[in-house]
Protein backbone atom coordinates (compact mmCIF):
# COMPACT_ATOMS: atom_id res chain seq x y z
CA MET A 1 -12.95 1.55 -12.30
CA TYR A 2 -12.56 4.32 -9.78
CA PHE A 3 -11.56 7.92 -9.90
CA LEU A 4 -8.41 8.69 -7.99
CA THR A 5 -7.31 11.01 -5.24
CA PRO A 6 -3.86 11.80 -3.90
CA VAL A 7 -2.77 11.07 -0.34
CA PHE A 8 -4.01 13.81 1.95
CA ASN A 9 -2.68 14.82 5.36
CA GLY A 10 -3.70 17.34 8.01
CA GLY A 11 -6.98 16.78 9.90
CA LEU A 12 -8.14 13.30 9.07
CA TRP A 13 -11.61 14.50 8.11
CA ASN A 14 -10.04 16.82 5.52
CA ALA A 15 -9.12 13.77 3.45
CA VAL A 16 -12.82 13.16 2.87
CA SER A 17 -13.59 16.71 1.77
CA GLY A 18 -10.46 16.73 -0.42
CA ALA A 19 -11.57 13.55 -2.16
CA LEU A 20 -15.05 14.97 -2.71
CA GLU A 21 -13.60 18.18 -4.12
CA ILE A 22 -11.86 16.38 -6.97
CA LYS A 23 -14.74 13.91 -7.38
CA GLY A 24 -12.65 10.95 -6.35
CA ARG A 25 -14.30 7.62 -5.68
CA ALA A 26 -11.38 6.25 -3.66
CA PHE A 27 -8.80 7.97 -1.49
CA ALA A 28 -5.79 7.44 0.73
CA LEU A 29 -4.59 9.24 3.83
CA PHE A 30 -1.90 9.15 6.48
CA LEU A 31 -3.24 8.34 9.94
CA LYS A 32 -0.57 10.48 11.63
CA SER A 33 2.76 12.03 10.68
CA GLN A 34 4.42 9.52 8.38
CA ARG A 35 7.91 10.56 9.51
CA GLN A 36 7.56 10.30 13.30
CA TRP A 37 7.48 7.18 15.42
CA LYS A 38 4.97 8.44 17.94
CA ALA A 39 1.90 10.64 17.83
CA LYS A 40 -0.73 11.67 20.32
CA PRO A 41 -3.61 9.21 20.64
CA LEU A 42 -6.68 9.66 18.47
CA GLU A 43 -9.13 11.94 20.24
CA GLU A 44 -12.82 11.15 20.25
CA ASP A 45 -13.74 14.39 18.51
CA VAL A 46 -11.35 13.53 15.64
CA ILE A 47 -12.96 10.12 15.27
CA ASP A 48 -16.43 11.68 15.37
CA LYS A 49 -15.53 14.29 12.72
CA PHE A 50 -14.01 11.67 10.44
CA GLN A 51 -16.93 9.27 10.73
CA SER A 52 -19.42 12.11 10.28
CA ALA A 53 -17.60 13.18 7.11
CA LEU A 54 -17.68 9.59 5.82
CA ASN A 55 -21.38 9.22 6.55
CA THR A 56 -22.17 12.48 4.78
CA SER A 57 -19.98 11.70 1.78
CA GLY A 58 -21.13 8.15 1.23
CA TYR A 59 -17.60 6.75 0.94
CA HIS A 60 -17.42 3.06 1.81
CA PRO A 61 -14.36 1.83 3.79
CA ASP A 62 -13.59 -0.61 0.95
CA PHE A 63 -12.40 2.38 -1.10
CA ILE A 64 -10.24 4.03 1.54
CA LEU A 65 -6.61 2.91 1.69
CA PRO A 66 -4.63 4.40 4.61
CA HIS A 67 -0.88 4.50 4.08
CA GLY A 68 1.58 3.49 6.79
CA SER A 69 4.55 5.38 8.17
CA TYR A 70 7.67 5.54 6.01
CA LEU A 71 9.77 4.72 9.08
CA LEU A 72 8.48 1.17 9.38
CA ASN A 73 10.84 -1.74 8.85
CA CYS A 74 9.02 -4.77 10.18
CA GLY A 75 11.80 -7.01 8.87
CA SER A 76 14.66 -5.10 10.45
CA PRO A 77 17.67 -7.01 11.82
CA ASN A 78 18.10 -4.22 14.38
CA PRO A 79 16.14 -5.15 17.54
CA GLU A 80 15.40 -1.54 18.48
CA THR A 81 14.12 -0.63 15.00
CA LEU A 82 12.09 -3.84 14.86
CA GLU A 83 10.48 -3.11 18.23
CA LYS A 84 9.62 0.46 17.21
CA SER A 85 8.26 -0.73 13.86
CA ARG A 86 6.02 -3.32 15.43
CA ALA A 87 4.70 -0.83 17.98
CA CYS A 88 4.02 1.69 15.22
CA LEU A 89 2.33 -0.94 13.03
CA LEU A 90 0.06 -1.93 15.91
CA ASP A 91 -0.77 1.69 16.69
CA GLU A 92 -1.68 2.52 13.10
CA VAL A 93 -3.82 -0.58 12.61
CA GLN A 94 -5.60 0.23 15.88
CA ARG A 95 -6.24 3.72 14.52
CA CYS A 96 -7.85 2.20 11.45
CA GLN A 97 -10.00 0.04 13.67
CA ARG A 98 -11.19 3.01 15.75
CA LEU A 99 -11.95 5.05 12.63
CA GLY A 100 -14.04 2.23 11.15
CA LEU A 101 -11.60 1.54 8.29
CA ASN A 102 -11.01 -1.99 7.07
CA ARG A 103 -7.59 -1.96 5.37
CA TYR A 104 -4.11 -0.59 5.99
CA ASN A 105 -1.26 -0.39 3.47
CA PHE A 106 2.45 -0.39 4.33
CA HIS A 107 5.92 -1.01 2.89
CA PRO A 108 7.12 -4.42 4.11
CA GLY A 109 10.73 -3.69 5.04
CA SER A 110 14.41 -4.21 4.33
CA THR A 111 17.17 -6.65 5.16
CA CYS A 112 19.51 -3.64 5.57
CA GLY A 113 22.06 -5.90 3.90
CA GLU A 114 22.58 -7.76 7.18
CA ILE A 115 20.29 -10.80 7.02
CA PRO A 116 19.03 -13.18 4.31
CA VAL A 117 15.75 -12.33 2.59
CA ASP A 118 13.99 -15.36 4.09
CA GLU A 119 14.91 -14.25 7.60
CA CYS A 120 13.58 -10.78 6.82
CA LEU A 121 10.32 -12.30 5.54
CA ASP A 122 10.09 -14.33 8.76
CA LEU A 123 10.29 -11.13 10.81
CA ILE A 124 7.70 -9.39 8.66
CA GLY A 125 5.36 -12.37 8.97
CA GLU A 126 5.83 -12.41 12.76
CA SER A 127 5.16 -8.66 12.90
CA ILE A 128 1.91 -9.00 10.96
CA ASN A 129 0.75 -12.03 12.95
CA THR A 130 1.34 -10.20 16.23
CA VAL A 131 -0.68 -7.18 15.11
CA LEU A 132 -3.51 -9.28 13.69
CA ASN A 133 -3.77 -11.12 17.00
CA GLU A 134 -4.25 -7.83 18.84
CA THR A 135 -6.71 -6.21 16.42
CA SER A 136 -9.81 -7.09 14.43
CA GLN A 137 -11.61 -6.17 11.21
CA VAL A 138 -8.62 -4.50 9.51
CA THR A 139 -6.80 -6.22 6.62
CA ILE A 140 -3.07 -5.51 6.44
CA VAL A 141 -2.11 -4.72 2.84
CA VAL A 142 1.54 -5.20 1.82
CA GLU A 143 2.84 -3.01 -0.99
CA ASN A 144 5.19 -4.29 -3.69
CA MET A 145 8.50 -2.42 -3.85
CA SER A 146 10.97 -1.43 -6.58
CA CYS A 147 13.89 -3.70 -5.53
CA GLN A 148 15.76 -0.57 -4.50
CA GLY A 149 18.68 -1.26 -2.17
CA ASN A 150 17.90 -4.01 0.32
CA THR A 151 14.12 -3.64 0.34
CA VAL A 152 12.00 -6.78 0.09
CA GLY A 153 8.68 -7.18 -1.67
CA GLY A 154 9.84 -6.08 -5.11
CA LYS A 155 9.56 -9.63 -6.40
CA PHE A 156 6.16 -11.27 -6.39
CA GLU A 157 7.80 -14.36 -4.86
CA GLU A 158 8.61 -12.26 -1.81
CA LEU A 159 5.04 -11.01 -1.49
CA LYS A 160 3.92 -14.64 -1.64
CA GLY A 161 6.51 -15.45 1.02
CA ILE A 162 4.98 -12.87 3.35
CA ILE A 163 1.44 -14.11 2.73
CA ASP A 164 2.55 -17.71 3.33
CA ARG A 165 3.85 -16.68 6.77
CA VAL A 166 0.60 -14.98 7.83
CA LYS A 167 -1.71 -17.27 9.77
CA ASP A 168 -5.00 -15.46 9.17
CA LYS A 169 -5.20 -15.37 5.39
CA SER A 170 -8.53 -13.52 5.55
CA ARG A 171 -6.76 -10.39 6.82
CA ILE A 172 -3.76 -10.10 4.52
CA GLY A 173 -3.63 -8.51 1.09
CA VAL A 174 -1.43 -6.75 -1.46
CA CYS A 175 -1.31 -3.27 -2.97
CA LEU A 176 0.18 -3.19 -6.47
CA ASP A 177 2.19 -0.04 -7.20
CA THR A 178 2.71 0.33 -10.95
CA CYS A 179 5.88 2.45 -10.68
CA HIS A 180 7.43 0.01 -8.20
CA ALA A 181 6.55 -2.97 -10.40
CA PHE A 182 8.03 -1.31 -13.48
CA ALA A 183 11.20 -0.30 -11.65
CA ALA A 184 11.51 -3.85 -10.32
CA GLY A 185 11.59 -5.17 -13.90
CA TYR A 186 7.94 -5.86 -14.76
CA ASP A 187 7.54 -4.10 -18.11
CA LEU A 188 3.87 -3.15 -18.10
CA SER A 189 4.57 -0.55 -20.80
CA THR A 190 4.18 -3.25 -23.47
CA GLU A 191 1.30 -5.64 -24.10
CA ASP A 192 3.51 -8.71 -23.67
CA GLY A 193 5.13 -7.28 -20.55
CA TYR A 194 1.77 -6.41 -19.03
CA LYS A 195 0.46 -9.91 -19.63
CA LYS A 196 3.61 -11.43 -18.17
CA MET A 197 3.33 -9.25 -15.06
CA THR A 198 -0.34 -9.96 -14.42
CA ASP A 199 0.03 -13.68 -15.15
CA GLU A 200 2.93 -13.91 -12.72
CA PHE A 201 1.04 -11.91 -10.10
CA ASP A 202 -1.98 -14.17 -10.42
CA LYS A 203 0.13 -17.34 -10.27
CA LEU A 204 2.35 -16.36 -7.33
CA VAL A 205 0.12 -14.03 -5.30
CA GLY A 206 -3.42 -14.35 -6.65
CA PHE A 207 -5.80 -11.56 -7.62
CA HIS A 208 -8.02 -12.51 -4.68
CA TYR A 209 -5.35 -10.93 -2.46
CA LEU A 210 -5.36 -7.63 -4.38
CA LYS A 211 -6.78 -4.94 -2.08
CA GLY A 212 -5.45 -1.75 -3.65
CA VAL A 213 -3.50 -0.18 -6.51
CA HIS A 214 -1.14 2.80 -6.57
CA LEU A 215 -1.27 4.23 -10.08
CA ASN A 216 2.05 5.95 -10.78
CA ASP A 217 4.13 6.38 -13.90
CA SER A 218 7.90 5.98 -13.55
CA LYS A 219 10.68 8.54 -13.97
CA GLY A 220 13.12 5.65 -14.38
CA LYS A 221 13.36 3.00 -17.09
CA VAL A 222 12.14 -0.57 -16.61
CA GLY A 223 14.33 -2.45 -14.14
CA CYS A 224 16.00 0.72 -12.83
CA HIS A 225 15.09 -0.14 -9.20
CA LEU A 226 14.40 3.55 -8.52
CA ASP A 227 11.27 4.52 -6.57
CA ARG A 228 10.62 7.73 -8.50
CA HIS A 229 7.00 8.39 -9.35
CA GLU A 230 5.93 10.41 -12.39
CA ASN A 231 2.60 11.78 -13.57
CA ILE A 232 0.55 9.38 -15.69
CA GLY A 233 1.68 9.43 -19.31
CA LYS A 234 4.82 11.46 -18.62
CA GLY A 235 7.05 8.57 -17.59
CA PHE A 236 8.42 5.40 -19.14
CA ILE A 237 5.28 3.32 -18.58
CA GLY A 238 3.23 5.61 -20.80
CA LEU A 239 -0.49 5.94 -21.37
CA ASP A 240 -0.95 2.59 -23.11
CA GLY A 241 0.28 0.74 -20.02
CA PHE A 242 -2.38 2.41 -17.89
CA ARG A 243 -5.08 1.93 -20.54
CA ARG A 244 -4.43 -1.81 -20.36
CA LEU A 245 -4.76 -1.84 -16.59
CA MET A 246 -7.85 0.38 -16.49
CA ASN A 247 -9.61 -1.92 -18.99
CA ASP A 248 -8.61 -5.11 -17.17
CA LYS A 249 -11.71 -6.42 -15.39
CA ARG A 250 -9.55 -8.12 -12.76
CA PHE A 251 -9.02 -4.66 -11.28
CA ASP A 252 -12.74 -3.83 -11.05
CA GLY A 253 -13.85 -2.89 -7.55
CA ILE A 254 -10.31 -2.17 -6.34
CA PRO A 255 -9.45 1.26 -4.84
CA MET A 256 -6.91 2.99 -7.07
CA ILE A 257 -4.79 5.78 -5.67
CA LEU A 258 -2.87 8.36 -7.66
CA GLU A 259 0.24 9.34 -5.68
CA THR A 260 1.47 12.09 -7.99
CA PRO A 261 -0.10 15.54 -8.50
CA PRO A 262 -2.53 15.70 -11.42
CA GLY A 263 -1.20 17.33 -14.55
C-alpha cells in the first residue's frame, strides 16, 4: 500500500516537494484553480519545472491523481453549463497530457433535478468520449459520489452506466472515495458491510477499472448522503474499516489520497 498526501495547490511543482516532505508515495493536485472556469494556458517553464521535480523525486505518473474542477457538470441539462464543463474537461485533460500525467479524476455530474438519471449518464458519456477523441494517453477517472442532492455516481450501477457509455474502455476508470461510499449507504465500517461493498463494486464495476482511492472518514452516519470528510478514525467509518481496506490485496498498487489534514 502507499503512503498518502493531501491535495496541494499553488505552483504545480510544489505538489511534488510537498509530497516528498511528508514522505508520501502518491499524491494529488489541482491543475488550475478548482473554482474558476478558465485559467491561463500552461507555460513551458511551468511544465519544465514540474517534470524536473518529478524526475528528481522519482514519482511515477501511475501514483499521481490530478483532481478536476469542482465546477464541472458534464451531465448538466443546461446547455451553457454543459458546454463550459466539456471545454473545462478537455482543457484539464490536455494539461495532464502536457505534464506527462496519465490519469485525471473528476466528479461526474448532476441531473439538477431536471432530467432522468439515464439522460444525465448519456451526457456524461458523450462528454468523456469527446475528450478522449481529442486527447491521448490520459485515463479519465470517474469518482463515486455520496448520493447528495441530484448528483449521479453514488450508486455503483451509475458508475457502470458511465463506463458502458464510453467507447474506449482502455481510458476510463474509477476512483473510490470511502466517505462518499459510506454516505451513499455502503457500510464499510463493518466486516459484512465492507464485503458487501467490495463484492458489489467488483460485480458491477470491476476492480480492473479501479485507478485511485480517496481515503476519508465520514462526519455523517452511513446512508446520510452528506459529503463531509473527517480525519481517519475520527468519523463513523472508524479505524477498523480502513484496516480492512489497507489489508485488501485488491487495492495493492493503487494510488491512495488522503483528502483531510493529518491528525
